């Protein structure tokens, strides 16, 4: 994969996480999820364990797999300038 392709894949998987967040929240509350090719490929409460698993399963691509925490509660963000 070229750098551009890697960036596009990362972006597509990140967008997938956002558009499926409600489903992810129901299945993986308060866990980290890793998404590759628009599907959850790993999940759990500890990032080091997830990364170790991803390195084994996807040795050439693991650095380009988004991992995001799925919070079980709604979060209010207060932004100020």
PDB file of N, CA and C in Angstrom:
ATOM      1  N   UNK A   1       0.837  -1.185   0.000  1.00  0.00           N
ATOM      2  CA  UNK A   1       0.000   0.000   0.000  1.00  0.00           C
ATOM      3  C   UNK A   1       0.878   1.242   0.000  1.00  0.00           C
ATOM      4  N   UNK A   2       0.476   2.222  -0.785  1.00  0.00           N
ATOM      5  CA  UNK A   2       1.192   3.486  -0.772  1.00  0.00           C
ATOM      6  C   UNK A   2       0.761   4.291   0.460  1.00  0.00           C
ATOM      7  N   UNK A   3       1.487   5.323   0.754  1.00  0.00           N
ATOM      8  CA  UNK A   3       1.142   6.178   1.895  1.00  0.00           C
ATOM      9  C   UNK A   3      -0.253   6.776   1.730  1.00  0.00           C
ATOM     10  N   UNK A   4      -0.578   7.194   0.525  1.00  0.00           N
ATOM     11  CA  UNK A   4      -1.901   7.766   0.263  1.00  0.00           C
ATOM     12  C   UNK A   4      -2.979   6.721   0.497  1.00  0.00           C
ATOM     13  N   UNK A   5      -2.770   5.507   0.020  1.00  0.00           N
ATOM     14  CA  UNK A   5      -3.740   4.437   0.224  1.00  0.00           C
ATOM     15  C   UNK A   5      -3.899   4.111   1.703  1.00  0.00           C
ATOM     16  N   UNK A   6      -2.789   4.119   2.442  1.00  0.00           N
ATOM     17  CA  UNK A   6      -2.845   3.869   3.887  1.00  0.00           C
ATOM     18  C   UNK A   6      -3.665   4.943   4.581  1.00  0.00           C
ATOM     19  N   UNK A   7      -3.442   6.192   4.197  1.00  0.00           N
ATOM     20  CA  UNK A   7      -4.178   7.298   4.809  1.00  0.00           C
ATOM     21  C   UNK A   7      -5.664   7.210   4.483  1.00  0.00           C
ATOM     22  N   UNK A   8      -5.993   6.844   3.245  1.00  0.00           N
ATOM     23  CA  UNK A   8      -7.390   6.717   2.847  1.00  0.00           C
ATOM     24  C   UNK A   8      -8.064   5.564   3.595  1.00  0.00           C
ATOM     25  N   UNK A   9      -7.346   4.464   3.766  1.00  0.00           N
ATOM     26  CA  UNK A   9      -7.910   3.322   4.502  1.00  0.00           C
ATOM     27  C   UNK A   9      -8.154   3.704   5.956  1.00  0.00           C
ATOM     28  N   UNK A  10      -7.182   4.394   6.575  1.00  0.00           N
ATOM     29  CA  UNK A  10      -7.341   4.835   7.963  1.00  0.00           C
ATOM     30  C   UNK A  10      -8.554   5.751   8.085  1.00  0.00           C
ATOM     31  N   UNK A  11      -8.684   6.689   7.156  1.00  0.00           N
ATOM     32  CA  UNK A  11      -9.809   7.622   7.190  1.00  0.00           C
ATOM     33  C   UNK A  11     -11.137   6.887   7.014  1.00  0.00           C
ATOM     34  N   UNK A  12     -11.206   5.961   6.060  1.00  0.00           N
ATOM     35  CA  UNK A  12     -12.445   5.221   5.821  1.00  0.00           C
ATOM     36  C   UNK A  12     -12.849   4.414   7.051  1.00  0.00           C
ATOM     37  N   UNK A  13     -11.882   3.795   7.716  1.00  0.00           N
ATOM     38  CA  UNK A  13     -12.187   3.017   8.915  1.00  0.00           C
ATOM     39  C   UNK A  13     -12.580   3.920  10.075  1.00  0.00           C
ATOM     40  N   UNK A  14     -11.974   5.079  10.162  1.00  0.00           N
ATOM     41  CA  UNK A  14     -12.339   6.041  11.212  1.00  0.00           C
ATOM     42  C   UNK A  14     -13.762   6.556  11.001  1.00  0.00           C
ATOM     43  N   UNK A  15     -14.102   6.826   9.754  1.00  0.00           N
ATOM     44  CA  UNK A  15     -15.469   7.261   9.439  1.00  0.00           C
ATOM     45  C   UNK A  15     -16.455   6.148   9.763  1.00  0.00           C
ATOM     46  N   UNK A  16     -16.085   4.908   9.463  1.00  0.00           N
ATOM     47  CA  UNK A  16     -16.952   3.762   9.758  1.00  0.00           C
ATOM     48  C   UNK A  16     -17.222   3.685  11.261  1.00  0.00           C
ATOM     49  N   UNK A  17     -16.194   3.900  12.067  1.00  0.00           N
ATOM     50  CA  UNK A  17     -16.369   3.887  13.524  1.00  0.00           C
ATOM     51  C   UNK A  17     -17.422   4.930  13.924  1.00  0.00           C
ATOM     52  N   UNK A  18     -17.277   6.142  13.408  1.00  0.00           N
ATOM     53  CA  UNK A  18     -18.216   7.204  13.745  1.00  0.00           C
ATOM     54  C   UNK A  18     -19.639   6.899  13.323  1.00  0.00           C
ATOM     55  N   UNK A  19     -19.802   6.316  12.145  1.00  0.00           N
ATOM     56  CA  UNK A  19     -21.149   6.048  11.657  1.00  0.00           C
ATOM     57  C   UNK A  19     -21.787   4.811  12.290  1.00  0.00           C
ATOM     58  N   UNK A  20     -20.993   3.996  12.961  1.00  0.00           N
ATOM     59  CA  UNK A  20     -21.515   2.797  13.632  1.00  0.00           C
ATOM     60  C   UNK A  20     -21.343   2.864  15.146  1.00  0.00           C
ATOM     61  N   UNK A  21     -21.146   4.081  15.653  1.00  0.00           N
ATOM     62  CA  UNK A  21     -20.815   4.229  17.071  1.00  0.00           C
ATOM     63  C   UNK A  21     -21.895   3.677  17.997  1.00  0.00           C
ATOM     64  N   UNK A  22     -23.144   3.882  17.665  1.00  0.00           N
ATOM     65  CA  UNK A  22     -24.233   3.377  18.527  1.00  0.00           C
ATOM     66  C   UNK A  22     -24.188   1.856  18.628  1.00  0.00           C
ATOM     67  N   UNK A  23     -23.982   1.193  17.503  1.00  0.00           N
ATOM     68  CA  UNK A  23     -23.865  -0.271  17.507  1.00  0.00           C
ATOM     69  C   UNK A  23     -22.651  -0.720  18.316  1.00  0.00           C
ATOM     70  N   UNK A  24     -21.547  -0.017  18.121  1.00  0.00           N
ATOM     71  CA  UNK A  24     -20.326  -0.360  18.848  1.00  0.00           C
ATOM     72  C   UNK A  24     -20.527  -0.170  20.349  1.00  0.00           C
ATOM     73  N   UNK A  25     -21.251   0.885  20.707  1.00  0.00           N
ATOM     74  CA  UNK A  25     -21.512   1.159  22.119  1.00  0.00           C
ATOM     75  C   UNK A  25     -22.313   0.030  22.763  1.00  0.00           C
ATOM     76  N   UNK A  26     -23.247  -0.544  22.015  1.00  0.00           N
ATOM     77  CA  UNK A  26     -24.046  -1.654  22.544  1.00  0.00           C
ATOM     78  C   UNK A  26     -23.217  -2.935  22.697  1.00  0.00           C
ATOM     79  N   UNK A  27     -22.341  -3.193  21.736  1.00  0.00           N
ATOM     80  CA  UNK A  27     -21.564  -4.439  21.750  1.00  0.00           C
ATOM     81  C   UNK A  27     -20.278  -4.350  22.567  1.00  0.00           C
ATOM     82  N   UNK A  28     -19.640  -3.172  22.589  1.00  0.00           N
ATOM     83  CA  UNK A  28     -18.315  -3.030  23.208  1.00  0.00           C
ATOM     84  C   UNK A  28     -18.252  -1.833  24.159  1.00  0.00           C
ATOM     85  N   UNK A  29     -19.157  -1.732  25.124  1.00  0.00           N
ATOM     86  CA  UNK A  29     -19.134  -0.559  26.010  1.00  0.00           C
ATOM     87  C   UNK A  29     -17.854  -0.502  26.834  1.00  0.00           C
ATOM     88  N   UNK A  30     -17.282   0.684  26.903  1.00  0.00           N
ATOM     89  CA  UNK A  30     -16.065   0.949  27.676  1.00  0.00           C
ATOM     90  C   UNK A  30     -14.901   0.044  27.267  1.00  0.00           C
ATOM     91  N   UNK A  31     -14.818  -0.237  25.985  1.00  0.00           N
ATOM     92  CA  UNK A  31     -13.696  -0.994  25.431  1.00  0.00           C
ATOM     93  C   UNK A  31     -13.092  -0.205  24.272  1.00  0.00           C
ATOM     94  N   UNK A  32     -11.883  -0.575  23.931  1.00  0.00           N
ATOM     95  CA  UNK A  32     -11.255  -0.068  22.728  1.00  0.00           C
ATOM     96  C   UNK A  32     -11.620  -1.005  21.589  1.00  0.00           C
ATOM     97  N   UNK A  33     -11.868  -0.437  20.410  1.00  0.00           N
ATOM     98  CA  UNK A  33     -12.135  -1.259  19.234  1.00  0.00           C
ATOM     99  C   UNK A  33     -11.142  -0.884  18.138  1.00  0.00           C
ATOM    100  N   UNK A  34     -10.706  -1.895  17.411  1.00  0.00           N
ATOM    101  CA  UNK A  34      -9.843  -1.700  16.249  1.00  0.00           C
ATOM    102  C   UNK A  34     -10.652  -2.095  15.029  1.00  0.00           C
ATOM    103  N   UNK A  35     -10.674  -1.225  14.018  1.00  0.00           N
ATOM    104  CA  UNK A  35     -11.470  -1.469  12.825  1.00  0.00           C
ATOM    105  C   UNK A  35     -10.566  -1.496  11.598  1.00  0.00           C
ATOM    106  N   UNK A  36     -10.704  -2.574  10.822  1.00  0.00           N
ATOM    107  CA  UNK A  36      -9.948  -2.736   9.590  1.00  0.00           C
ATOM    108  C   UNK A  36     -10.893  -3.253   8.522  1.00  0.00           C
ATOM    109  N   UNK A  37     -10.842  -2.628   7.351  1.00  0.00           N
ATOM    110  CA  UNK A  37     -11.728  -2.977   6.251  1.00  0.00           C
ATOM    111  C   UNK A  37     -13.197  -2.926   6.685  1.00  0.00           C
ATOM    112  N   UNK A  38     -13.486  -1.884   7.460  1.00  0.00           N
ATOM    113  CA  UNK A  38     -14.837  -1.578   7.919  1.00  0.00           C
ATOM    114  C   UNK A  38     -15.486  -2.709   8.719  1.00  0.00           C
ATOM    115  N   UNK A  39     -14.703  -3.330   9.576  1.00  0.00           N
ATOM    116  CA  UNK A  39     -15.232  -4.316  10.527  1.00  0.00           C
ATOM    117  C   UNK A  39     -14.329  -4.340  11.749  1.00  0.00           C
ATOM    118  N   UNK A  40     -14.918  -4.676  12.881  1.00  0.00           N
ATOM    119  CA  UNK A  40     -14.153  -4.761  14.125  1.00  0.00           C
ATOM    120  C   UNK A  40     -13.278  -6.014  14.055  1.00  0.00           C
ATOM    121  N   UNK A  41     -11.973  -5.806  14.185  1.00  0.00           N
ATOM    122  CA  UNK A  41     -11.040  -6.936  14.115  1.00  0.00           C
ATOM    123  C   UNK A  41     -10.429  -7.260  15.477  1.00  0.00           C
ATOM    124  N   UNK A  42     -10.599  -6.358  16.433  1.00  0.00           N
ATOM    125  CA  UNK A  42     -10.073  -6.585  17.783  1.00  0.00           C
ATOM    126  C   UNK A  42     -10.778  -5.632  18.733  1.00  0.00           C
ATOM    127  N   UNK A  43     -10.947  -6.052  19.963  1.00  0.00           N
ATOM    128  CA  UNK A  43     -11.533  -5.172  20.978  1.00  0.00           C
ATOM    129  C   UNK A  43     -11.099  -5.662  22.349  1.00  0.00           C
ATOM    130  N   UNK A  44     -11.160  -4.751  23.314  1.00  0.00           N
ATOM    131  CA  UNK A  44     -10.817  -5.101  24.676  1.00  0.00           C
ATOM    132  C   UNK A  44     -10.539  -3.871  25.511  1.00  0.00           C
ATOM    133  N   UNK A  45     -10.273  -4.074  26.809  1.00  0.00           N
ATOM    134  CA  UNK A  45     -10.086  -2.943  27.713  1.00  0.00           C
ATOM    135  C   UNK A  45      -8.668  -2.375  27.734  1.00  0.00           C
ATOM    136  N   UNK A  46      -7.713  -3.072  27.134  1.00  0.00           N
ATOM    137  CA  UNK A  46      -6.307  -2.654  27.216  1.00  0.00           C
ATOM    138  C   UNK A  46      -5.692  -2.467  25.826  1.00  0.00           C
ATOM    139  N   UNK A  47      -5.180  -1.275  25.563  1.00  0.00           N
ATOM    140  CA  UNK A  47      -4.559  -0.999  24.268  1.00  0.00           C
ATOM    141  C   UNK A  47      -3.328  -1.881  24.014  1.00  0.00           C
ATOM    142  N   UNK A  48      -2.434  -2.081  24.978  1.00  0.00           N
ATOM    143  CA  UNK A  48      -1.254  -2.910  24.682  1.00  0.00           C
ATOM    144  C   UNK A  48      -1.616  -4.312  24.170  1.00  0.00           C
ATOM    145  N   UNK A  49      -2.622  -4.931  24.747  1.00  0.00           N
ATOM    146  CA  UNK A  49      -3.041  -6.266  24.299  1.00  0.00           C
ATOM    147  C   UNK A  49      -3.619  -6.211  22.894  1.00  0.00           C
ATOM    148  N   UNK A  50      -4.383  -5.169  22.609  1.00  0.00           N
ATOM    149  CA  UNK A  50      -4.959  -5.011  21.276  1.00  0.00           C
ATOM    150  C   UNK A  50      -3.850  -4.826  20.250  1.00  0.00           C
ATOM    151  N   UNK A  51      -2.891  -3.973  20.553  1.00  0.00           N
ATOM    152  CA  UNK A  51      -1.801  -3.722  19.616  1.00  0.00           C
ATOM    153  C   UNK A  51      -0.962  -4.974  19.385  1.00  0.00           C
ATOM    154  N   UNK A  52      -0.715  -5.733  20.414  1.00  0.00           N
ATOM    155  CA  UNK A  52       0.040  -6.976  20.264  1.00  0.00           C
ATOM    156  C   UNK A  52      -0.697  -7.943  19.330  1.00  0.00           C
ATOM    157  N   UNK A  53      -1.988  -8.059  19.512  1.00  0.00           N
ATOM    158  CA  UNK A  53      -2.792  -8.921  18.659  1.00  0.00           C
ATOM    159  C   UNK A  53      -2.793  -8.422  17.214  1.00  0.00           C
ATOM    160  N   UNK A  54      -2.936  -7.117  17.025  1.00  0.00           N
ATOM    161  CA  UNK A  54      -2.937  -6.553  15.676  1.00  0.00           C
ATOM    162  C   UNK A  54      -1.597  -6.770  14.982  1.00  0.00           C
ATOM    163  N   UNK A  55      -0.497  -6.630  15.720  1.00  0.00           N
ATOM    164  CA  UNK A  55       0.829  -6.875  15.139  1.00  0.00           C
ATOM    165  C   UNK A  55       0.939  -8.299  14.606  1.00  0.00           C
ATOM    166  N   UNK A  56       0.366  -9.246  15.344  1.00  0.00           N
ATOM    167  CA  UNK A  56       0.405 -10.640  14.915  1.00  0.00           C
ATOM    168  C   UNK A  56      -0.494 -10.924  13.727  1.00  0.00           C
ATOM    169  N   UNK A  57      -1.701 -10.362  13.743  1.00  0.00           N
ATOM    170  CA  UNK A  57      -2.674 -10.625  12.682  1.00  0.00           C
ATOM    171  C   UNK A  57      -2.401  -9.831  11.402  1.00  0.00           C
ATOM    172  N   UNK A  58      -1.937  -8.598  11.563  1.00  0.00           N
ATOM    173  CA  UNK A  58      -1.751  -7.685  10.436  1.00  0.00           C
ATOM    174  C   UNK A  58      -0.359  -7.045  10.496  1.00  0.00           C
ATOM    175  N   UNK A  59       0.696  -7.842  10.345  1.00  0.00           N
ATOM    176  CA  UNK A  59       2.048  -7.298  10.547  1.00  0.00           C
ATOM    177  C   UNK A  59       2.412  -6.135   9.619  1.00  0.00           C
ATOM    178  N   UNK A  60       1.850  -6.098   8.428  1.00  0.00           N
ATOM    179  CA  UNK A  60       2.170  -5.015   7.489  1.00  0.00           C
ATOM    180  C   UNK A  60       1.257  -3.803   7.624  1.00  0.00           C
ATOM    181  N   UNK A  61       0.118  -3.982   8.273  1.00  0.00           N
ATOM    182  CA  UNK A  61      -0.887  -2.918   8.295  1.00  0.00           C
ATOM    183  C   UNK A  61      -1.280  -2.410   9.672  1.00  0.00           C
ATOM    184  N   UNK A  62      -0.824  -3.048  10.733  1.00  0.00           N
ATOM    185  CA  UNK A  62      -1.349  -2.726  12.068  1.00  0.00           C
ATOM    186  C   UNK A  62      -1.204  -1.262  12.438  1.00  0.00           C
ATOM    187  N   UNK A  63      -0.193  -0.580  11.925  1.00  0.00           N
ATOM    188  CA  UNK A  63       0.005   0.834  12.265  1.00  0.00           C
ATOM    189  C   UNK A  63      -1.043   1.740  11.633  1.00  0.00           C
ATOM    190  N   UNK A  64      -1.794   1.201  10.695  1.00  0.00           N
ATOM    191  CA  UNK A  64      -2.780   1.984   9.963  1.00  0.00           C
ATOM    192  C   UNK A  64      -4.209   1.620  10.356  1.00  0.00           C
ATOM    193  N   UNK A  65      -4.343   0.872  11.440  1.00  0.00           N
ATOM    194  CA  UNK A  65      -5.654   0.447  11.906  1.00  0.00           C
ATOM    195  C   UNK A  65      -6.087   1.373  13.045  1.00  0.00           C
ATOM    196  N   UNK A  66      -7.181   2.105  12.864  1.00  0.00           N
ATOM    197  CA  UNK A  66      -7.625   2.987  13.946  1.00  0.00           C
ATOM    198  C   UNK A  66      -8.146   2.189  15.140  1.00  0.00           C
ATOM    199  N   UNK A  67      -7.765   2.651  16.320  1.00  0.00           N
ATOM    200  CA  UNK A  67      -8.241   2.063  17.572  1.00  0.00           C
ATOM    201  C   UNK A  67      -8.889   3.201  18.357  1.00  0.00           C
ATOM    202  N   UNK A  68     -10.134   2.993  18.746  1.00  0.00           N
ATOM    203  CA  UNK A  68     -10.860   4.057  19.441  1.00  0.00           C
ATOM    204  C   UNK A  68     -11.574   3.496  20.662  1.00  0.00           C
ATOM    205  N   UNK A  69     -11.614   4.305  21.723  1.00  0.00           N
ATOM    206  CA  UNK A  69     -12.345   3.932  22.928  1.00  0.00           C
ATOM    207  C   UNK A  69     -13.832   4.201  22.711  1.00  0.00           C
ATOM    208  N   UNK A  70     -14.660   3.228  23.057  1.00  0.00           N
ATOM    209  CA  UNK A  70     -16.109   3.347  22.918  1.00  0.00           C
ATOM    210  C   UNK A  70     -16.684   3.576  24.312  1.00  0.00           C
ATOM    211  N   UNK A  71     -17.054   4.798  24.586  1.00  0.00           N
ATOM    212  CA  UNK A  71     -17.553   5.172  25.904  1.00  0.00           C
ATOM    213  C   UNK A  71     -19.011   4.756  26.048  1.00  0.00           C
ATOM    214  N   UNK A  72     -19.344   4.145  27.170  1.00  0.00           N
ATOM    215  CA  UNK A  72     -20.722   3.698  27.398  1.00  0.00           C
ATOM    216  C   UNK A  72     -21.657   4.840  27.766  1.00  0.00           C
ATOM    217  N   UNK A  73     -21.109   5.979  28.115  1.00  0.00           N
ATOM    218  CA  UNK A  73     -21.922   7.129  28.510  1.00  0.00           C
ATOM    219  C   UNK A  73     -21.783   8.252  27.499  1.00  0.00           C
ATOM    220  N   UNK A  74     -22.835   9.058  27.401  1.00  0.00           N
ATOM    221  CA  UNK A  74     -22.763  10.249  26.564  1.00  0.00           C
ATOM    222  C   UNK A  74     -21.766  11.228  27.177  1.00  0.00           C
ATOM    223  N   UNK A  75     -21.051  11.909  26.334  1.00  0.00           N
ATOM    224  CA  UNK A  75     -20.076  12.886  26.810  1.00  0.00           C
ATOM    225  C   UNK A  75     -20.447  14.250  26.244  1.00  0.00           C
ATOM    226  N   UNK A  76     -20.456  15.251  27.103  1.00  0.00           N
ATOM    227  CA  UNK A  76     -20.691  16.620  26.662  1.00  0.00           C
ATOM    228  C   UNK A  76     -19.348  17.307  26.553  1.00  0.00           C
ATOM    229  N   UNK A  77     -19.106  17.885  25.411  1.00  0.00           N
ATOM    230  CA  UNK A  77     -17.877  18.633  25.208  1.00  0.00           C
ATOM    231  C   UNK A  77     -18.178  20.121  25.296  1.00  0.00           C
ATOM    232  N   UNK A  78     -17.375  20.815  26.036  1.00  0.00           N
ATOM    233  CA  UNK A  78     -17.516  22.257  26.141  1.00  0.00           C
ATOM    234  C   UNK A  78     -16.260  22.849  25.537  1.00  0.00           C
ATOM    235  N   UNK A  79     -16.464  23.551  24.448  1.00  0.00           N
ATOM    236  CA  UNK A  79     -15.346  24.165  23.734  1.00  0.00           C
ATOM    237  C   UNK A  79     -15.378  25.671  23.952  1.00  0.00           C
ATOM    238  N   UNK A  80     -14.210  26.222  24.142  1.00  0.00           N
ATOM    239  CA  UNK A  80     -14.155  27.687  24.270  1.00  0.00           C
ATOM    240  C   UNK A  80     -13.010  28.201  23.440  1.00  0.00           C
ATOM    241  N   UNK A  81     -13.134  29.432  23.058  1.00  0.00           N
ATOM    242  CA  UNK A  81     -12.094  30.058  22.236  1.00  0.00           C
ATOM    243  C   UNK A  81     -11.367  31.092  23.035  1.00  0.00           C
TER     244      UNK A  81
END
